[in-house]
N, C-alpha and C. Protein backbone atom coordinates (compact mmCIF):
# COMPACT_ATOMS: atom_id res chain seq x y z
N MET A 1 -1.01 1.09 -12.59
CA MET A 1 -0.28 0.88 -11.82
C MET A 1 -0.75 0.81 -10.39
N LYS A 2 -0.58 0.68 -9.58
CA LYS A 2 -1.12 0.59 -7.92
C LYS A 2 -0.38 0.61 -6.92
N VAL A 3 -0.12 1.69 -5.92
CA VAL A 3 1.12 1.77 -5.59
C VAL A 3 0.75 1.54 -4.32
N LEU A 4 1.03 0.85 -3.36
CA LEU A 4 0.71 0.26 -1.74
C LEU A 4 2.42 1.11 -1.34
N VAL A 5 1.61 1.55 -0.10
CA VAL A 5 2.63 2.05 1.44
C VAL A 5 2.59 1.64 2.49
N LEU A 6 4.35 0.83 3.02
CA LEU A 6 3.87 0.73 4.12
C LEU A 6 4.31 1.11 5.15
N THR A 7 3.31 2.07 5.79
CA THR A 7 4.29 2.58 7.05
C THR A 7 3.93 2.45 8.53
N GLY A 8 4.27 3.27 9.48
CA GLY A 8 3.99 3.29 10.94
C GLY A 8 5.37 3.52 11.29
N PRO A 9 5.66 3.04 12.94
CA PRO A 9 6.85 3.07 13.46
C PRO A 9 7.22 2.13 12.99
N GLU A 10 8.83 2.31 13.79
CA GLU A 10 10.04 0.98 13.67
C GLU A 10 9.48 0.26 14.67
N SER A 11 10.57 -0.67 13.47
CA SER A 11 10.15 -2.17 14.28
C SER A 11 8.82 -2.82 14.52
N THR A 12 8.20 -2.39 13.34
CA THR A 12 6.51 -3.68 13.48
C THR A 12 6.52 -4.54 12.38
N GLY A 13 7.19 -4.47 11.23
CA GLY A 13 7.31 -5.99 10.30
C GLY A 13 7.29 -4.98 8.84
N LYS A 14 6.98 -3.88 8.45
CA LYS A 14 7.54 -3.03 7.12
C LYS A 14 8.13 -3.55 6.63
N SER A 15 9.65 -3.07 6.64
CA SER A 15 10.08 -4.11 5.78
C SER A 15 9.94 -5.66 5.28
N TRP A 16 9.95 -6.90 6.72
CA TRP A 16 9.32 -7.84 6.51
C TRP A 16 8.02 -7.95 5.31
N LEU A 17 7.21 -7.32 5.23
CA LEU A 17 6.02 -7.41 4.93
C LEU A 17 5.91 -6.94 3.47
N SER A 18 6.74 -6.04 3.20
CA SER A 18 7.18 -5.23 1.95
C SER A 18 7.80 -6.09 0.99
N ASN A 19 8.72 -7.37 1.52
CA ASN A 19 9.02 -8.14 0.55
C ASN A 19 8.66 -10.02 0.68
N GLU A 20 7.33 -9.40 1.57
CA GLU A 20 6.53 -10.91 1.75
C GLU A 20 5.72 -10.31 0.62
N ILE A 21 4.72 -9.60 0.33
CA ILE A 21 4.17 -8.96 -0.98
C ILE A 21 4.67 -8.85 -1.99
N GLN A 22 5.83 -8.94 -2.25
CA GLN A 22 6.37 -8.26 -2.79
C GLN A 22 6.59 -10.09 -3.65
N ALA A 23 7.08 -10.51 -3.46
CA ALA A 23 7.14 -13.05 -3.02
C ALA A 23 5.72 -12.99 -3.62
N HIS A 24 4.56 -12.83 -2.70
CA HIS A 24 3.70 -13.22 -3.37
C HIS A 24 2.82 -12.65 -4.38
N PHE A 25 2.69 -11.05 -5.33
CA PHE A 25 2.51 -10.59 -5.92
C PHE A 25 2.79 -10.09 -6.99
N GLY A 26 4.43 -10.41 -6.79
CA GLY A 26 5.26 -10.04 -7.73
C GLY A 26 4.84 -7.92 -7.49
N GLY A 27 5.58 -7.03 -8.38
CA GLY A 27 5.98 -5.61 -8.22
C GLY A 27 6.77 -5.50 -8.54
N LEU A 28 7.16 -4.24 -7.88
CA LEU A 28 8.30 -3.14 -7.95
C LEU A 28 8.61 -3.02 -6.31
N LEU A 29 9.75 -3.35 -5.57
CA LEU A 29 9.96 -2.83 -4.13
C LEU A 29 10.66 -1.83 -4.10
N VAL A 30 10.21 -0.27 -3.02
CA VAL A 30 11.46 0.43 -3.33
C VAL A 30 11.54 0.36 -1.65
N GLY A 31 12.91 -0.05 -1.18
CA GLY A 31 13.41 0.77 0.30
C GLY A 31 13.54 1.93 0.34
N GLU A 32 13.96 1.52 1.67
CA GLU A 32 13.91 2.48 2.71
C GLU A 32 15.45 3.35 2.80
N TYR A 33 15.12 4.84 1.89
CA TYR A 33 16.58 5.33 1.48
C TYR A 33 16.90 6.05 2.71
N VAL A 34 16.91 5.71 3.93
CA VAL A 34 17.37 6.47 4.82
C VAL A 34 17.99 4.94 5.62
N ARG A 35 17.70 3.97 5.60
CA ARG A 35 18.24 3.30 5.46
C ARG A 35 20.54 2.90 4.81
N HIS A 36 19.92 2.91 3.30
CA HIS A 36 21.01 3.42 2.57
C HIS A 36 22.12 4.62 2.64
N PHE A 37 21.35 5.44 3.49
CA PHE A 37 22.09 6.85 3.68
C PHE A 37 22.81 7.08 5.55
N ILE A 38 21.94 5.70 6.22
CA ILE A 38 23.16 5.59 7.36
C ILE A 38 24.10 5.29 6.89
N GLU A 39 23.92 4.23 6.37
CA GLU A 39 24.91 3.32 6.08
C GLU A 39 26.24 3.80 5.90
N SER A 40 25.96 4.52 4.33
CA SER A 40 26.49 4.96 3.51
C SER A 40 27.65 6.41 3.93
N GLU A 41 26.94 6.98 4.96
CA GLU A 41 27.84 7.98 6.04
C GLU A 41 28.43 7.70 7.31
N ALA A 42 27.47 6.66 7.42
CA ALA A 42 28.27 5.91 8.85
C ALA A 42 28.39 6.97 9.95
N ARG A 43 27.62 8.08 10.23
CA ARG A 43 27.09 8.83 11.10
C ARG A 43 25.72 8.81 12.38
N ASP A 44 25.37 9.69 12.46
CA ASP A 44 24.36 9.90 13.42
C ASP A 44 23.60 11.10 12.26
N THR A 45 22.80 10.66 11.97
CA THR A 45 22.36 12.56 10.76
C THR A 45 21.87 13.04 11.79
N CYS A 46 21.57 14.21 11.06
CA CYS A 46 20.76 15.80 12.20
C CYS A 46 19.83 16.23 11.04
N TYR A 47 20.18 17.31 11.32
CA TYR A 47 18.95 18.30 10.88
C TYR A 47 19.17 18.45 9.04
N GLU A 48 20.01 18.55 9.03
CA GLU A 48 20.48 19.37 7.50
C GLU A 48 20.19 17.79 6.50
N ASP A 49 20.89 16.90 7.02
CA ASP A 49 20.57 15.47 6.17
C ASP A 49 19.25 15.52 5.81
N ILE A 50 17.80 16.38 6.26
CA ILE A 50 16.31 16.19 6.11
C ILE A 50 16.66 16.02 4.52
N ASP A 51 16.57 17.15 3.75
CA ASP A 51 16.68 16.95 2.97
C ASP A 51 17.75 15.59 1.51
N SER A 52 18.62 15.51 1.73
CA SER A 52 18.55 14.74 1.16
C SER A 52 18.96 13.86 1.38
N ILE A 53 18.30 13.15 3.04
CA ILE A 53 16.99 12.30 2.72
C ILE A 53 16.10 11.45 1.96
N ALA A 54 14.71 13.13 1.80
CA ALA A 54 14.32 12.84 1.39
C ALA A 54 14.15 13.61 -0.28
N HIS A 55 15.22 13.84 -0.39
CA HIS A 55 15.40 13.80 -2.41
C HIS A 55 15.63 12.01 -2.68
N GLY A 56 16.71 11.82 -2.21
CA GLY A 56 16.98 10.22 -2.40
C GLY A 56 15.38 9.54 -2.58
N GLN A 57 14.48 9.58 -1.27
CA GLN A 57 13.83 8.57 -1.41
C GLN A 57 12.89 8.95 -2.54
N LEU A 58 12.25 9.85 -2.79
CA LEU A 58 11.96 10.50 -4.01
C LEU A 58 12.13 10.19 -4.97
N ALA A 59 14.19 10.16 -5.63
CA ALA A 59 14.43 9.76 -6.25
C ALA A 59 14.07 8.32 -6.46
N TRP A 60 14.46 7.93 -5.37
CA TRP A 60 13.89 6.00 -5.85
C TRP A 60 12.49 6.29 -6.15
N GLU A 61 11.93 6.54 -5.56
CA GLU A 61 10.32 6.26 -5.99
C GLU A 61 10.06 6.37 -6.70
N ASN A 62 10.75 7.46 -7.60
CA ASN A 62 10.24 8.16 -9.22
C ASN A 62 11.02 7.06 -10.15
N ALA A 63 12.28 6.97 -9.63
CA ALA A 63 13.07 5.57 -10.99
C ALA A 63 11.54 4.28 -10.92
N ALA A 64 11.25 3.98 -9.67
CA ALA A 64 10.41 2.79 -10.01
C ALA A 64 8.99 3.03 -10.48
N ARG A 65 8.97 4.39 -10.09
CA ARG A 65 7.03 4.83 -10.67
C ARG A 65 7.41 4.84 -12.31
N ALA A 66 8.42 4.91 -13.32
CA ALA A 66 8.95 5.68 -14.41
C ALA A 66 8.91 3.62 -14.71
N ARG A 67 9.12 2.76 -14.92
CA ARG A 67 9.03 1.60 -14.34
C ARG A 67 7.25 1.17 -15.17
N GLN A 68 6.37 2.00 -14.25
CA GLN A 68 5.49 1.17 -14.65
C GLN A 68 4.52 0.44 -14.23
N PRO A 69 5.52 -0.25 -13.24
CA PRO A 69 4.82 -2.35 -12.32
C PRO A 69 3.09 -2.10 -12.03
N SER A 70 2.73 -3.22 -12.40
CA SER A 70 1.48 -2.39 -12.07
C SER A 70 1.04 -2.85 -10.29
N LEU A 71 2.16 -2.97 -9.67
CA LEU A 71 2.47 -3.17 -8.19
C LEU A 71 3.42 -2.57 -7.71
N LEU A 72 3.22 -1.34 -6.97
CA LEU A 72 4.69 -0.79 -6.54
C LEU A 72 4.51 -0.98 -5.19
N ILE A 73 5.77 -0.97 -4.31
CA ILE A 73 5.17 -1.40 -3.30
C ILE A 73 6.52 -0.51 -2.71
N LEU A 74 6.30 0.37 -1.80
CA LEU A 74 6.88 1.18 -0.85
C LEU A 74 6.52 0.96 0.56
N ASP A 75 8.24 0.62 1.04
CA ASP A 75 8.76 0.29 1.92
C ASP A 75 8.06 1.12 3.18
N THR A 76 8.43 2.68 2.43
CA THR A 76 7.90 3.68 3.30
C THR A 76 8.23 4.68 2.12
N HIS A 77 7.71 6.64 2.96
CA HIS A 77 7.30 7.02 2.12
C HIS A 77 7.97 8.86 2.29
N LEU A 78 7.80 9.83 2.11
CA LEU A 78 7.97 11.14 2.49
C LEU A 78 7.66 11.43 4.31
N LEU A 79 6.48 10.66 4.06
CA LEU A 79 5.58 11.04 5.16
C LEU A 79 6.67 10.59 6.47
N SER A 80 7.22 9.21 6.48
CA SER A 80 8.09 9.06 7.66
C SER A 80 9.36 9.47 7.85
N ASN A 81 9.74 10.74 6.56
CA ASN A 81 10.89 11.36 6.60
C ASN A 81 10.37 12.72 7.32
N ILE A 82 8.70 13.59 7.70
CA ILE A 82 8.39 14.03 8.18
C ILE A 82 8.29 14.63 9.64
N LEU A 83 7.82 12.89 9.73
CA LEU A 83 7.53 12.35 11.30
C LEU A 83 8.95 11.93 12.25
N TRP A 84 10.02 11.77 11.41
CA TRP A 84 11.14 11.57 11.60
C TRP A 84 11.60 12.49 12.35
N SER A 85 11.67 13.73 11.52
CA SER A 85 12.83 14.44 11.46
C SER A 85 12.26 15.58 12.45
N LYS A 86 10.32 15.71 12.00
CA LYS A 86 9.39 16.06 13.80
C LYS A 86 10.11 16.29 15.24
N THR A 87 10.10 14.49 15.40
CA THR A 87 10.15 13.35 16.55
C THR A 87 11.64 14.19 16.71
N LEU A 88 12.81 13.83 16.07
CA LEU A 88 13.99 14.10 16.39
C LEU A 88 14.92 15.36 16.69
N PHE A 89 14.24 15.67 15.74
CA PHE A 89 14.46 17.65 15.38
C PHE A 89 13.99 18.06 15.83
N GLY A 90 12.67 17.95 15.56
CA GLY A 90 11.47 19.47 15.91
C GLY A 90 10.60 20.37 14.66
N ALA A 91 11.53 20.30 13.89
CA ALA A 91 10.55 20.57 12.44
C ALA A 91 11.40 19.33 11.21
N CYS A 92 11.06 20.06 10.71
CA CYS A 92 11.05 19.40 9.72
C CYS A 92 10.42 20.39 7.58
N PRO A 93 11.16 20.22 6.93
CA PRO A 93 11.01 21.40 5.47
C PRO A 93 9.73 21.47 5.05
N ALA A 94 9.50 22.27 4.87
CA ALA A 94 8.22 22.52 4.36
C ALA A 94 7.77 21.77 2.93
N TRP A 95 8.98 21.83 2.22
CA TRP A 95 8.94 21.10 1.33
C TRP A 95 8.19 19.77 0.99
N ILE A 96 8.52 19.27 1.90
CA ILE A 96 8.56 17.44 1.82
C ILE A 96 7.14 17.17 1.93
N GLU A 97 6.12 18.12 2.43
CA GLU A 97 4.90 17.42 3.08
C GLU A 97 4.10 17.71 1.89
N GLN A 98 4.14 19.12 0.72
CA GLN A 98 4.38 19.44 -0.03
C GLN A 98 4.61 18.70 -0.96
N ALA A 99 5.55 18.46 -1.48
CA ALA A 99 6.08 16.74 -2.30
C ALA A 99 4.86 15.54 -2.04
N LEU A 100 4.99 14.97 -1.11
CA LEU A 100 3.91 14.35 -1.17
C LEU A 100 2.70 14.39 -0.93
N LEU A 101 2.30 15.35 -0.31
CA LEU A 101 0.59 16.30 -1.13
C LEU A 101 0.34 16.28 -2.45
N ALA A 102 1.85 15.77 -3.58
CA ALA A 102 1.29 16.03 -4.87
C ALA A 102 1.72 14.70 -5.45
N ARG A 103 1.64 13.78 -4.81
CA ARG A 103 1.65 12.40 -4.98
C ARG A 103 0.23 11.40 -5.15
N HIS A 104 0.13 10.17 -6.01
CA HIS A 104 -0.39 9.85 -5.10
C HIS A 104 -1.14 8.69 -4.58
N TYR A 105 -1.15 7.76 -4.10
CA TYR A 105 -1.07 6.96 -3.37
C TYR A 105 -2.49 5.53 -2.84
N ASP A 106 -2.35 5.07 -3.50
CA ASP A 106 -3.57 4.18 -3.31
C ASP A 106 -3.99 3.41 -2.32
N LEU A 107 -2.91 3.27 -1.48
CA LEU A 107 -2.94 2.21 -0.24
C LEU A 107 -1.97 2.89 0.59
N HIS A 108 -2.64 2.54 2.28
CA HIS A 108 -1.06 2.49 3.69
C HIS A 108 -1.99 1.45 4.04
N LEU A 109 -0.63 0.90 4.02
CA LEU A 109 -1.14 -0.51 5.24
C LEU A 109 -0.16 -0.26 6.33
N LEU A 110 -0.89 1.23 8.11
CA LEU A 110 -0.26 1.45 8.81
C LEU A 110 0.08 0.35 9.60
N LEU A 111 1.06 -0.21 10.22
CA LEU A 111 1.58 -1.40 11.35
C LEU A 111 1.51 -0.44 12.40
N SER A 112 0.77 -1.05 13.54
CA SER A 112 0.79 -1.01 15.01
C SER A 112 1.76 -0.94 14.98
N PRO A 113 2.47 -1.18 16.23
CA PRO A 113 3.15 -1.23 17.40
C PRO A 113 3.07 -2.22 18.30
N GLU A 114 2.00 -2.24 18.59
CA GLU A 114 1.12 -3.58 19.26
C GLU A 114 1.78 -4.42 18.68
N SER A 115 1.45 -5.98 19.80
CA SER A 115 2.17 -7.26 20.25
C SER A 115 3.17 -7.04 19.21
N ILE A 116 4.15 -6.32 18.87
CA ILE A 116 5.46 -6.91 18.46
C ILE A 116 6.43 -6.51 18.89
N ALA A 117 7.62 -7.28 19.60
CA ALA A 117 8.48 -6.73 19.94
C ALA A 117 9.63 -5.82 18.90
N TRP A 118 10.47 -4.84 19.96
CA TRP A 118 10.83 -4.13 19.50
C TRP A 118 12.35 -4.98 19.41
N HIS A 119 12.88 -4.75 18.47
CA HIS A 119 14.07 -4.96 17.88
C HIS A 119 15.11 -4.01 17.77
N ASP A 120 16.08 -4.55 17.94
CA ASP A 120 17.15 -2.88 17.61
C ASP A 120 18.47 -3.66 16.91
N ASP A 121 18.06 -2.90 15.55
CA ASP A 121 18.68 -3.21 14.16
C ASP A 121 19.91 -2.31 14.21
N GLY A 122 20.31 -1.31 15.09
CA GLY A 122 21.79 -0.69 15.15
C GLY A 122 20.90 0.46 14.66
N GLN A 123 20.18 0.62 13.90
CA GLN A 123 19.61 1.71 13.31
C GLN A 123 18.44 2.36 14.12
N ARG A 124 17.92 1.67 14.58
CA ARG A 124 16.18 2.00 15.27
C ARG A 124 17.20 3.54 16.48
N CYS A 125 15.58 3.44 17.16
CA CYS A 125 16.13 4.52 18.37
C CYS A 125 14.96 4.68 19.48
N GLN A 126 13.52 4.16 18.86
CA GLN A 126 12.84 3.68 20.28
C GLN A 126 12.00 2.90 20.58
N PRO A 127 12.97 2.09 21.10
CA PRO A 127 12.50 0.92 22.39
C PRO A 127 11.94 0.93 22.73
N GLN A 128 11.38 1.76 23.21
CA GLN A 128 9.77 2.31 23.97
C GLN A 128 8.30 2.08 23.45
N LEU A 129 7.51 1.25 24.22
CA LEU A 129 6.66 0.97 23.29
C LEU A 129 5.65 2.28 22.94
N THR A 130 5.94 3.73 24.20
CA THR A 130 4.88 4.45 24.50
C THR A 130 5.41 5.77 22.80
N GLU A 131 6.87 5.55 22.51
CA GLU A 131 7.59 6.18 21.85
C GLU A 131 6.79 5.83 20.61
N ARG A 132 6.56 4.40 20.01
CA ARG A 132 6.78 3.75 19.38
C ARG A 132 4.99 3.93 19.11
N GLN A 133 3.97 3.68 19.83
CA GLN A 133 2.02 4.28 19.88
C GLN A 133 2.76 5.94 19.40
N ALA A 134 3.35 6.94 19.91
CA ALA A 134 3.34 8.20 19.63
C ALA A 134 3.35 8.12 17.74
N PHE A 135 4.61 7.79 17.49
CA PHE A 135 4.37 7.94 16.13
C PHE A 135 3.52 7.44 15.35
N PHE A 136 3.23 5.81 16.23
CA PHE A 136 1.61 5.00 15.47
C PHE A 136 0.56 6.60 15.17
N GLN A 137 0.41 6.99 16.14
CA GLN A 137 -1.04 8.20 16.14
C GLN A 137 -0.40 8.96 15.14
N ALA A 138 0.48 10.00 15.18
CA ALA A 138 0.78 10.74 14.28
C ALA A 138 0.52 10.37 12.84
N THR A 139 1.22 9.37 13.16
CA THR A 139 1.45 8.72 11.41
C THR A 139 -0.23 8.29 11.05
N HIS A 140 -1.05 8.06 12.25
CA HIS A 140 -2.52 8.01 11.55
C HIS A 140 -3.25 9.30 11.78
N GLN A 141 -2.74 9.97 12.03
CA GLN A 141 -3.65 12.05 12.65
C GLN A 141 -3.00 11.80 10.75
N TRP A 142 -2.35 11.67 10.77
CA TRP A 142 -1.57 13.23 9.57
C TRP A 142 -2.79 11.60 8.12
N LEU A 143 -2.68 10.28 7.83
CA LEU A 143 -3.20 10.09 7.33
C LEU A 143 -4.67 10.08 7.61
N GLU A 144 -5.61 10.56 8.48
CA GLU A 144 -6.78 10.72 8.10
C GLU A 144 -7.35 11.87 7.99
N GLN A 145 -5.96 13.50 8.62
CA GLN A 145 -6.03 14.71 8.06
C GLN A 145 -6.39 14.83 6.61
N HIS A 146 -5.46 14.04 5.61
CA HIS A 146 -5.55 13.90 4.02
C HIS A 146 -6.34 12.86 3.66
N ARG A 147 -6.62 12.33 4.16
CA ARG A 147 -7.63 12.43 3.11
C ARG A 147 -7.16 10.95 2.32
N GLN A 148 -6.39 10.03 2.79
CA GLN A 148 -5.31 8.93 2.32
C GLN A 148 -5.66 8.20 2.51
N PRO A 149 -5.95 7.13 1.77
CA PRO A 149 -6.33 5.64 1.77
C PRO A 149 -5.65 4.50 2.89
N PHE A 150 -5.95 4.38 3.94
CA PHE A 150 -4.91 3.81 4.96
C PHE A 150 -5.88 2.20 5.58
N GLU A 151 -5.03 1.58 5.78
CA GLU A 151 -5.51 -0.32 6.15
C GLU A 151 -4.49 0.02 8.00
N VAL A 152 -5.13 -0.50 8.83
CA VAL A 152 -4.36 -0.18 10.14
C VAL A 152 -4.13 -2.09 10.05
N LEU A 153 -2.67 -2.37 10.47
CA LEU A 153 -2.14 -3.98 10.39
C LEU A 153 -2.48 -4.14 11.93
N GLN A 154 -2.71 -4.79 12.36
CA GLN A 154 -2.24 -5.49 14.24
C GLN A 154 -1.52 -6.36 14.14
N GLY A 155 -2.08 -6.83 15.24
CA GLY A 155 -1.48 -8.68 15.65
C GLY A 155 -0.43 -8.72 15.27
N ASN A 156 -0.42 -10.29 15.52
CA ASN A 156 1.53 -11.23 15.36
C ASN A 156 0.99 -11.05 14.23
N TRP A 157 2.57 -11.45 14.28
CA TRP A 157 3.15 -11.93 12.44
C TRP A 157 1.92 -12.76 11.04
N GLN A 158 1.76 -13.82 11.69
CA GLN A 158 0.64 -14.16 10.57
C GLN A 158 -0.58 -13.37 9.98
N GLN A 159 -0.84 -12.30 11.60
CA GLN A 159 -2.14 -11.97 11.10
C GLN A 159 -1.99 -10.27 10.29
N ARG A 160 -0.92 -10.17 10.77
CA ARG A 160 -0.27 -8.74 9.73
C ARG A 160 -0.52 -8.83 8.29
N LYS A 161 0.50 -10.95 8.24
CA LYS A 161 1.11 -10.82 6.80
C LYS A 161 -0.81 -11.55 6.48
N ASP A 162 -1.23 -11.90 6.84
CA ASP A 162 -2.85 -12.47 6.26
C ASP A 162 -3.69 -10.97 5.92
N ALA A 163 -3.51 -10.50 7.01
CA ALA A 163 -4.27 -9.05 7.13
C ALA A 163 -4.00 -7.99 5.90
N ALA A 164 -2.58 -7.97 5.17
CA ALA A 164 -1.88 -7.22 3.96
C ALA A 164 -2.07 -8.02 2.83
N PHE A 165 -2.00 -9.07 2.62
CA PHE A 165 -2.59 -10.06 1.94
C PHE A 165 -3.46 -9.91 1.22
N GLU A 166 -5.42 -9.76 1.84
CA GLU A 166 -6.50 -9.29 1.70
C GLU A 166 -6.10 -8.46 1.43
N ALA A 167 -5.56 -7.31 2.23
CA ALA A 167 -6.22 -5.38 1.42
C ALA A 167 -5.35 -5.68 -0.34
N VAL A 168 -4.34 -6.23 -0.16
CA VAL A 168 -3.86 -6.11 -1.91
C VAL A 168 -4.50 -7.00 -2.55
N LEU A 169 -5.39 -7.78 -2.20
CA LEU A 169 -6.00 -8.46 -2.98
C LEU A 169 -7.39 -7.79 -3.30
N ARG A 170 -7.61 -6.58 -2.29
CA ARG A 170 -8.90 -6.16 -2.48
C ARG A 170 -8.32 -4.71 -3.73
N LEU A 171 -7.05 -4.44 -3.25
CA LEU A 171 -6.85 -3.70 -4.24
C LEU A 171 -6.07 -3.33 -5.74
N LEU A 172 -5.92 -4.44 -5.93
CA LEU A 172 -5.69 -5.68 -7.06
C LEU A 172 -6.33 -5.90 -7.87
N PRO A 173 -6.46 -5.75 -9.51
CA PRO A 173 -7.40 -5.80 -10.46
C PRO A 173 -7.77 -7.62 -10.20
N PRO A 174 -8.64 -7.71 -10.11
CA PRO A 174 -9.38 -9.37 -10.03
C PRO A 174 -8.45 -9.51 -11.59
N VAL A 175 -7.87 -11.64 -11.35
CA VAL A 175 -7.36 -11.86 -12.71
C VAL A 175 -8.80 -12.85 -13.55
N ALA A 176 -8.87 -12.31 -14.69
CA ALA A 176 -9.66 -12.80 -15.31
C ALA A 176 -9.17 -14.21 -16.35
N SER A 177 -11.21 -15.03 -15.52
CA SER A 177 -10.73 -16.05 -15.74
C SER A 177 -11.36 -16.77 -17.29
N VAL A 178 -10.37 -17.57 -17.62
CA VAL A 178 -10.25 -18.06 -18.72
C VAL A 178 -11.17 -19.74 -18.48
N HIS A 179 -12.61 -19.58 -19.01
CA HIS A 179 -13.37 -20.32 -19.13
C HIS A 179 -13.45 -20.62 -20.79
N CYS A 180 -13.85 -21.99 -20.48
CA CYS A 180 -13.50 -22.88 -21.42
C CYS A 180 -14.86 -23.88 -22.60
C-alpha cells in the first residue's frame, strides 16, 4: 500500500486534486474530517474541539488503512490539524504530533498558494495570500524538519494536476507488461 497525502494551505486544490488522482489511478480517498465536523456541529470550532477533530481524522484514516488499498489518498492528515490549531488557537495537544510521527506516509504533495485565487466556501478563513504563504512555509518547514518525503506543486490548475500525476506514477510500482 502506498500512502499519498495532499497538504498545504486552504484553497490550493487539495480536494479537487485528490478526486482527480483517485479518478485516474483508483485507490481509496479519505476526505477532511474537519469539514464533516464543522457541518455537523454548525458552529465555529474552538480549541476544545481539536482532540475530537484529530481523533475523527485518525479514525477515517485507520478505517481506510485497514482495507489495504494499493493507493491510499489522504486529502489531509494530522499535520493540518496541528498547524490549524496553532494558527487559530496558539497551541496544539502534543499527542497529535506524536501520532502523526508514528505513521508512515510515502509521499506528501505540498500545494503552494501561489498562482491560485482564494475561494470562499464558507469554511475557509485565510483570504490573504500572505496568510496562506505563512501556512505553506510552516508546512514545508515541518515536512523538512521531520524528513518526510514531499514534492511542492505550484502553477495553474493544469500544471498542478500534471505534476501530481507524474508524482503518483513515480510512487506506484510499474505495471508489468505482457509480451507475447
